[in-house]
């Protein structure tokens, strides 16, 4: 009888400890959860102010190194992120269709990648007539962003117009296009206004020139 009572007490105590420690374990695991533990298809809103502040800190970090290749470093950083952004966008869109046309990948950039990065769509894509005097045979495409969040807190110096921090996004665009099989060149600039040497900041233009092989492939 005594043995059975002791056994029952130990069993109850064991259950109690399992429940308590189990709850603590579950609670602890919830506290340690990171963004990688969340569902891939979850669409949380991006804190654009925090995003802009983080990017400003990245720019400050490169400036602190007194490296004259600020734009190149930002572009390389963007290029390293492009393929991962592309894969995440494909998973979230549940898309199994292979993009084979340059117009399709441009539409994907404006309507999928831009909302994923900035919670908004870019301006409608514009085409540039080829300039034969510069040796351009094919149409160039321009994506405009009138108010890009990454440079919201970065001051613009008109005297130093060559420093364009949005080369970071240009690197992302370039690497996504090349990762999808569309080799190209991407130029980033702040368009000039009607007044000479005055720039429409922070409006940014991404000028995309696809490689000749892209058009030859699609003409077959």
C-alpha atoms as a PDB file:
ATOM      1  CA  UNK A   1       0.000   0.000   0.000  1.00  0.00           C
ATOM      2  CA  UNK A   2       2.757   2.413   0.962  1.00  0.00           C
ATOM      3  CA  UNK A   3       4.684   1.450  -2.124  1.00  0.00           C
ATOM      4  CA  UNK A   4       1.693   2.182  -4.373  1.00  0.00           C
ATOM      5  CA  UNK A   5       1.127   5.593  -2.726  1.00  0.00           C
ATOM      6  CA  UNK A   6       4.788   6.505  -3.177  1.00  0.00           C
ATOM      7  CA  UNK A   7       4.636   5.362  -6.770  1.00  0.00           C
ATOM      8  CA  UNK A   8       1.521   7.423  -7.433  1.00  0.00           C
ATOM      9  CA  UNK A   9       3.096  10.485  -5.844  1.00  0.00           C
ATOM     10  CA  UNK A  10       6.223  10.126  -7.954  1.00  0.00           C
ATOM     11  CA  UNK A  11       4.096   9.691 -11.057  1.00  0.00           C
ATOM     12  CA  UNK A  12       2.093  12.847 -10.280  1.00  0.00           C
ATOM     13  CA  UNK A  13       5.292  14.772  -9.523  1.00  0.00           C
ATOM     14  CA  UNK A  14       6.835  13.569 -12.769  1.00  0.00           C
ATOM     15  CA  UNK A  15       3.797  14.662 -14.760  1.00  0.00           C
ATOM     16  CA  UNK A  16       3.840  18.050 -13.026  1.00  0.00           C
ATOM     17  CA  UNK A  17       7.529  18.558 -13.782  1.00  0.00           C
ATOM     18  CA  UNK A  18       7.059  17.526 -17.377  1.00  0.00           C
ATOM     19  CA  UNK A  19       4.183  19.950 -17.797  1.00  0.00           C
ATOM     20  CA  UNK A  20       6.026  22.842 -16.110  1.00  0.00           C
ATOM     21  CA  UNK A  21       9.349  22.263 -17.832  1.00  0.00           C
ATOM     22  CA  UNK A  22       7.584  21.555 -21.084  1.00  0.00           C
ATOM     23  CA  UNK A  23       5.775  24.887 -20.889  1.00  0.00           C
ATOM     24  CA  UNK A  24       9.045  26.626 -20.102  1.00  0.00           C
ATOM     25  CA  UNK A  25      10.687  24.865 -23.008  1.00  0.00           C
ATOM     26  CA  UNK A  26       7.927  25.878 -25.384  1.00  0.00           C
ATOM     27  CA  UNK A  27       7.967  29.416 -24.071  1.00  0.00           C
ATOM     28  CA  UNK A  28      11.733  29.572 -24.370  1.00  0.00           C
ATOM     29  CA  UNK A  29      11.667  28.254 -27.912  1.00  0.00           C
ATOM     30  CA  UNK A  30       9.142  30.934 -28.843  1.00  0.00           C
ATOM     31  CA  UNK A  31      11.407  33.591 -27.405  1.00  0.00           C
ATOM     32  CA  UNK A  32      14.335  32.286 -29.423  1.00  0.00           C
ATOM     33  CA  UNK A  33      12.445  32.136 -32.711  1.00  0.00           C
ATOM     34  CA  UNK A  34      13.962  34.113 -35.557  1.00  0.00           C
ATOM     35  CA  UNK A  35      12.749  35.238 -38.958  1.00  0.00           C
ATOM     36  CA  UNK A  36      13.974  31.956 -40.420  1.00  0.00           C
ATOM     37  CA  UNK A  37      11.395  30.063 -38.323  1.00  0.00           C
ATOM     38  CA  UNK A  38       8.469  31.913 -39.864  1.00  0.00           C
ATOM     39  CA  UNK A  39       6.471  30.545 -42.823  1.00  0.00           C
ATOM     40  CA  UNK A  40       8.056  31.477 -46.143  1.00  0.00           C
ATOM     41  CA  UNK A  41       4.759  32.666 -47.599  1.00  0.00           C
ATOM     42  CA  UNK A  42       4.101  35.053 -44.727  1.00  0.00           C
ATOM     43  CA  UNK A  43       3.841  38.660 -45.920  1.00  0.00           C
ATOM     44  CA  UNK A  44       4.701  40.907 -42.990  1.00  0.00           C
ATOM     45  CA  UNK A  45       4.826  44.636 -43.573  1.00  0.00           C
ATOM     46  CA  UNK A  46       8.325  46.047 -43.750  1.00  0.00           C
ATOM     47  CA  UNK A  47       9.298  48.774 -41.309  1.00  0.00           C
ATOM     48  CA  UNK A  48      10.543  51.203 -43.946  1.00  0.00           C
ATOM     49  CA  UNK A  49      11.996  53.619 -41.408  1.00  0.00           C
ATOM     50  CA  UNK A  50      14.086  50.847 -39.868  1.00  0.00           C
ATOM     51  CA  UNK A  51      15.043  49.647 -43.343  1.00  0.00           C
ATOM     52  CA  UNK A  52      16.195  53.150 -44.338  1.00  0.00           C
ATOM     53  CA  UNK A  53      18.106  53.612 -41.084  1.00  0.00           C
ATOM     54  CA  UNK A  54      19.899  50.275 -41.556  1.00  0.00           C
ATOM     55  CA  UNK A  55      20.915  51.211 -45.092  1.00  0.00           C
ATOM     56  CA  UNK A  56      22.178  54.586 -43.869  1.00  0.00           C
ATOM     57  CA  UNK A  57      24.344  52.727 -41.337  1.00  0.00           C
ATOM     58  CA  UNK A  58      25.740  50.520 -44.125  1.00  0.00           C
ATOM     59  CA  UNK A  59      26.694  53.610 -46.124  1.00  0.00           C
ATOM     60  CA  UNK A  60      28.272  55.144 -43.031  1.00  0.00           C
ATOM     61  CA  UNK A  61      30.231  51.925 -42.460  1.00  0.00           C
ATOM     62  CA  UNK A  62      31.748  52.056 -45.935  1.00  0.00           C
ATOM     63  CA  UNK A  63      32.488  55.765 -45.523  1.00  0.00           C
ATOM     64  CA  UNK A  64      34.215  55.110 -42.204  1.00  0.00           C
ATOM     65  CA  UNK A  65      36.589  52.751 -44.007  1.00  0.00           C
ATOM     66  CA  UNK A  66      37.563  55.733 -46.190  1.00  0.00           C
ATOM     67  CA  UNK A  67      37.169  53.540 -49.216  1.00  0.00           C
ATOM     68  CA  UNK A  68      36.769  55.520 -52.419  1.00  0.00           C
ATOM     69  CA  UNK A  69      34.817  52.652 -54.003  1.00  0.00           C
ATOM     70  CA  UNK A  70      31.611  53.332 -52.064  1.00  0.00           C
ATOM     71  CA  UNK A  71      29.334  52.832 -55.060  1.00  0.00           C
ATOM     72  CA  UNK A  72      31.096  49.652 -56.137  1.00  0.00           C
ATOM     73  CA  UNK A  73      30.881  48.177 -52.636  1.00  0.00           C
ATOM     74  CA  UNK A  74      27.158  48.941 -52.465  1.00  0.00           C
ATOM     75  CA  UNK A  75      26.627  47.429 -55.904  1.00  0.00           C
ATOM     76  CA  UNK A  76      28.495  44.241 -54.965  1.00  0.00           C
ATOM     77  CA  UNK A  77      26.467  43.989 -51.761  1.00  0.00           C
ATOM     78  CA  UNK A  78      23.265  44.230 -53.812  1.00  0.00           C
ATOM     79  CA  UNK A  79      24.503  41.643 -56.309  1.00  0.00           C
ATOM     80  CA  UNK A  80      25.107  39.157 -53.498  1.00  0.00           C
ATOM     81  CA  UNK A  81      21.474  39.496 -52.410  1.00  0.00           C
ATOM     82  CA  UNK A  82      19.770  39.323 -55.808  1.00  0.00           C
ATOM     83  CA  UNK A  83      19.574  35.530 -56.329  1.00  0.00           C
ATOM     84  CA  UNK A  84      18.187  34.936 -52.819  1.00  0.00           C
ATOM     85  CA  UNK A  85      15.550  37.629 -53.316  1.00  0.00           C
ATOM     86  CA  UNK A  86      14.606  36.057 -56.652  1.00  0.00           C
ATOM     87  CA  UNK A  87      14.159  32.603 -55.121  1.00  0.00           C
ATOM     88  CA  UNK A  88      12.108  33.949 -52.210  1.00  0.00           C
ATOM     89  CA  UNK A  89       9.849  35.857 -54.614  1.00  0.00           C
ATOM     90  CA  UNK A  90       9.266  32.716 -56.674  1.00  0.00           C
ATOM     91  CA  UNK A  91       8.305  30.720 -53.592  1.00  0.00           C
ATOM     92  CA  UNK A  92       5.937  33.372 -52.285  1.00  0.00           C
ATOM     93  CA  UNK A  93       4.269  33.784 -55.656  1.00  0.00           C
ATOM     94  CA  UNK A  94       3.932  29.977 -55.973  1.00  0.00           C
ATOM     95  CA  UNK A  95       5.156  30.383 -59.520  1.00  0.00           C
ATOM     96  CA  UNK A  96       6.399  27.418 -61.513  1.00  0.00           C
ATOM     97  CA  UNK A  97       6.357  29.199 -64.862  1.00  0.00           C
ATOM     98  CA  UNK A  98       9.746  29.818 -66.381  1.00  0.00           C
ATOM     99  CA  UNK A  99      10.308  33.374 -67.541  1.00  0.00           C
ATOM    100  CA  UNK A 100      11.686  33.354 -71.090  1.00  0.00           C
ATOM    101  CA  UNK A 101      10.958  36.886 -72.376  1.00  0.00           C
ATOM    102  CA  UNK A 102      12.734  40.051 -71.320  1.00  0.00           C
ATOM    103  CA  UNK A 103       9.378  41.837 -71.060  1.00  0.00           C
ATOM    104  CA  UNK A 104       8.185  39.189 -68.594  1.00  0.00           C
ATOM    105  CA  UNK A 105      11.185  39.570 -66.300  1.00  0.00           C
ATOM    106  CA  UNK A 106      10.796  43.368 -66.359  1.00  0.00           C
ATOM    107  CA  UNK A 107       7.150  42.991 -65.357  1.00  0.00           C
ATOM    108  CA  UNK A 108       8.268  40.614 -62.597  1.00  0.00           C
ATOM    109  CA  UNK A 109      10.678  43.262 -61.309  1.00  0.00           C
ATOM    110  CA  UNK A 110       8.063  46.014 -61.148  1.00  0.00           C
ATOM    111  CA  UNK A 111       5.104  44.012 -59.830  1.00  0.00           C
ATOM    112  CA  UNK A 112       6.775  41.392 -57.605  1.00  0.00           C
ATOM    113  CA  UNK A 113      10.330  42.358 -56.624  1.00  0.00           C
ATOM    114  CA  UNK A 114       9.610  46.037 -55.884  1.00  0.00           C
ATOM    115  CA  UNK A 115       6.638  45.297 -53.578  1.00  0.00           C
ATOM    116  CA  UNK A 116       8.728  42.619 -51.868  1.00  0.00           C
ATOM    117  CA  UNK A 117      11.549  45.073 -51.187  1.00  0.00           C
ATOM    118  CA  UNK A 118       9.735  48.371 -50.720  1.00  0.00           C
ATOM    119  CA  UNK A 119       6.022  47.564 -50.163  1.00  0.00           C
ATOM    120  CA  UNK A 120       5.113  49.398 -53.372  1.00  0.00           C
ATOM    121  CA  UNK A 121       5.326  49.034 -57.128  1.00  0.00           C
ATOM    122  CA  UNK A 122       7.815  50.939 -59.233  1.00  0.00           C
ATOM    123  CA  UNK A 123       6.655  53.381 -61.872  1.00  0.00           C
ATOM    124  CA  UNK A 124       5.588  51.910 -65.250  1.00  0.00           C
ATOM    125  CA  UNK A 125       8.539  50.859 -67.356  1.00  0.00           C
ATOM    126  CA  UNK A 126       9.558  53.262 -70.110  1.00  0.00           C
ATOM    127  CA  UNK A 127      11.426  52.483 -73.299  1.00  0.00           C
ATOM    128  CA  UNK A 128      14.315  54.449 -74.755  1.00  0.00           C
ATOM    129  CA  UNK A 129      14.755  54.650 -78.503  1.00  0.00           C
ATOM    130  CA  UNK A 130      18.138  53.170 -79.490  1.00  0.00           C
ATOM    131  CA  UNK A 131      20.780  55.821 -80.120  1.00  0.00           C
ATOM    132  CA  UNK A 132      22.610  54.726 -83.262  1.00  0.00           C
ATOM    133  CA  UNK A 133      25.306  57.360 -82.732  1.00  0.00           C
ATOM    134  CA  UNK A 134      26.330  55.572 -79.526  1.00  0.00           C
ATOM    135  CA  UNK A 135      26.208  52.144 -81.128  1.00  0.00           C
ATOM    136  CA  UNK A 136      22.939  51.081 -79.483  1.00  0.00           C
ATOM    137  CA  UNK A 137      21.035  48.556 -81.587  1.00  0.00           C
ATOM    138  CA  UNK A 138      18.304  47.560 -79.176  1.00  0.00           C
ATOM    139  CA  UNK A 139      15.780  49.259 -76.941  1.00  0.00           C
ATOM    140  CA  UNK A 140      16.796  50.229 -73.427  1.00  0.00           C
ATOM    141  CA  UNK A 141      14.327  50.121 -70.561  1.00  0.00           C
ATOM    142  CA  UNK A 142      13.992  52.503 -67.623  1.00  0.00           C
ATOM    143  CA  UNK A 143      12.474  51.795 -64.219  1.00  0.00           C
ATOM    144  CA  UNK A 144      11.747  54.908 -62.160  1.00  0.00           C
ATOM    145  CA  UNK A 145      11.321  55.086 -58.406  1.00  0.00           C
ATOM    146  CA  UNK A 146      10.156  58.549 -57.355  1.00  0.00           C
ATOM    147  CA  UNK A 147      10.740  58.040 -53.635  1.00  0.00           C
ATOM    148  CA  UNK A 148      13.085  55.113 -52.906  1.00  0.00           C
ATOM    149  CA  UNK A 149      13.015  54.226 -49.178  1.00  0.00           C
ATOM    150  CA  UNK A 150      16.705  53.200 -48.820  1.00  0.00           C
ATOM    151  CA  UNK A 151      18.023  56.737 -49.282  1.00  0.00           C
ATOM    152  CA  UNK A 152      15.339  58.503 -47.265  1.00  0.00           C
ATOM    153  CA  UNK A 153      17.788  59.467 -44.508  1.00  0.00           C
ATOM    154  CA  UNK A 154      20.885  59.929 -46.663  1.00  0.00           C
ATOM    155  CA  UNK A 155      21.704  63.577 -47.514  1.00  0.00           C
ATOM    156  CA  UNK A 156      22.363  64.435 -51.146  1.00  0.00           C
ATOM    157  CA  UNK A 157      25.275  66.645 -52.093  1.00  0.00           C
ATOM    158  CA  UNK A 158      24.690  68.264 -55.528  1.00  0.00           C
ATOM    159  CA  UNK A 159      28.424  68.952 -55.762  1.00  0.00           C
ATOM    160  CA  UNK A 160      29.127  65.237 -55.583  1.00  0.00           C
ATOM    161  CA  UNK A 161      26.578  63.990 -58.082  1.00  0.00           C
ATOM    162  CA  UNK A 162      28.646  60.917 -58.938  1.00  0.00           C
ATOM    163  CA  UNK A 163      27.951  59.258 -55.569  1.00  0.00           C
ATOM    164  CA  UNK A 164      24.694  57.379 -56.043  1.00  0.00           C
ATOM    165  CA  UNK A 165      23.835  55.129 -53.109  1.00  0.00           C
ATOM    166  CA  UNK A 166      21.005  53.502 -55.053  1.00  0.00           C
ATOM    167  CA  UNK A 167      23.671  51.534 -56.882  1.00  0.00           C
ATOM    168  CA  UNK A 168      22.887  49.050 -54.112  1.00  0.00           C
ATOM    169  CA  UNK A 169      19.432  48.434 -55.620  1.00  0.00           C
ATOM    170  CA  UNK A 170      20.989  48.535 -59.077  1.00  0.00           C
ATOM    171  CA  UNK A 171      23.168  45.599 -58.032  1.00  0.00           C
ATOM    172  CA  UNK A 172      20.077  43.709 -56.881  1.00  0.00           C
ATOM    173  CA  UNK A 173      18.319  44.370 -60.199  1.00  0.00           C
ATOM    174  CA  UNK A 174      21.344  43.340 -62.253  1.00  0.00           C
ATOM    175  CA  UNK A 175      21.942  40.099 -60.359  1.00  0.00           C
ATOM    176  CA  UNK A 176      18.243  39.122 -60.517  1.00  0.00           C
ATOM    177  CA  UNK A 177      18.173  39.624 -64.277  1.00  0.00           C
ATOM    178  CA  UNK A 178      21.385  37.668 -64.814  1.00  0.00           C
ATOM    179  CA  UNK A 179      20.281  34.929 -62.401  1.00  0.00           C
ATOM    180  CA  UNK A 180      17.101  34.559 -64.483  1.00  0.00           C
ATOM    181  CA  UNK A 181      19.177  34.206 -67.661  1.00  0.00           C
ATOM    182  CA  UNK A 182      19.077  37.782 -68.981  1.00  0.00           C
ATOM    183  CA  UNK A 183      22.612  39.227 -69.051  1.00  0.00           C
ATOM    184  CA  UNK A 184      22.537  43.002 -69.005  1.00  0.00           C
ATOM    185  CA  UNK A 185      24.040  46.271 -67.840  1.00  0.00           C
ATOM    186  CA  UNK A 186      22.256  48.448 -65.293  1.00  0.00           C
ATOM    187  CA  UNK A 187      23.008  52.147 -64.955  1.00  0.00           C
ATOM    188  CA  UNK A 188      21.664  54.078 -61.973  1.00  0.00           C
ATOM    189  CA  UNK A 189      21.213  57.829 -61.972  1.00  0.00           C
ATOM    190  CA  UNK A 190      19.217  60.742 -60.559  1.00  0.00           C
ATOM    191  CA  UNK A 191      17.504  62.456 -63.518  1.00  0.00           C
ATOM    192  CA  UNK A 192      18.341  66.093 -64.158  1.00  0.00           C
ATOM    193  CA  UNK A 193      15.603  68.711 -63.961  1.00  0.00           C
ATOM    194  CA  UNK A 194      15.038  71.548 -66.427  1.00  0.00           C
ATOM    195  CA  UNK A 195      17.522  73.636 -64.435  1.00  0.00           C
ATOM    196  CA  UNK A 196      21.126  72.721 -65.357  1.00  0.00           C
ATOM    197  CA  UNK A 197      23.086  70.803 -62.728  1.00  0.00           C
ATOM    198  CA  UNK A 198      19.996  70.461 -60.517  1.00  0.00           C
ATOM    199  CA  UNK A 199      18.860  66.904 -59.870  1.00  0.00           C
ATOM    200  CA  UNK A 200      15.433  65.548 -59.059  1.00  0.00           C
ATOM    201  CA  UNK A 201      16.527  63.857 -55.831  1.00  0.00           C
ATOM    202  CA  UNK A 202      15.673  61.289 -54.582  1.00  0.00           C
ATOM    203  CA  UNK A 203      13.952  60.208 -57.813  1.00  0.00           C
ATOM    204  CA  UNK A 204      16.071  57.405 -59.260  1.00  0.00           C
ATOM    205  CA  UNK A 205      16.222  55.884 -62.725  1.00  0.00           C
ATOM    206  CA  UNK A 206      17.455  52.353 -63.436  1.00  0.00           C
ATOM    207  CA  UNK A 207      18.460  52.108 -67.096  1.00  0.00           C
ATOM    208  CA  UNK A 208      18.609  48.484 -68.254  1.00  0.00           C
ATOM    209  CA  UNK A 209      20.463  47.471 -71.426  1.00  0.00           C
ATOM    210  CA  UNK A 210      20.031  43.800 -72.226  1.00  0.00           C
ATOM    211  CA  UNK A 211      22.835  41.932 -73.909  1.00  0.00           C
ATOM    212  CA  UNK A 212      22.490  41.316 -77.632  1.00  0.00           C
ATOM    213  CA  UNK A 213      22.257  37.564 -76.981  1.00  0.00           C
ATOM    214  CA  UNK A 214      18.912  38.082 -75.197  1.00  0.00           C
ATOM    215  CA  UNK A 215      17.239  39.584 -78.278  1.00  0.00           C
ATOM    216  CA  UNK A 216      18.802  37.040 -80.639  1.00  0.00           C
ATOM    217  CA  UNK A 217      17.521  34.202 -78.464  1.00  0.00           C
ATOM    218  CA  UNK A 218      13.984  35.572 -78.438  1.00  0.00           C
ATOM    219  CA  UNK A 219      13.955  36.174 -82.208  1.00  0.00           C
ATOM    220  CA  UNK A 220      14.433  32.472 -82.946  1.00  0.00           C
END
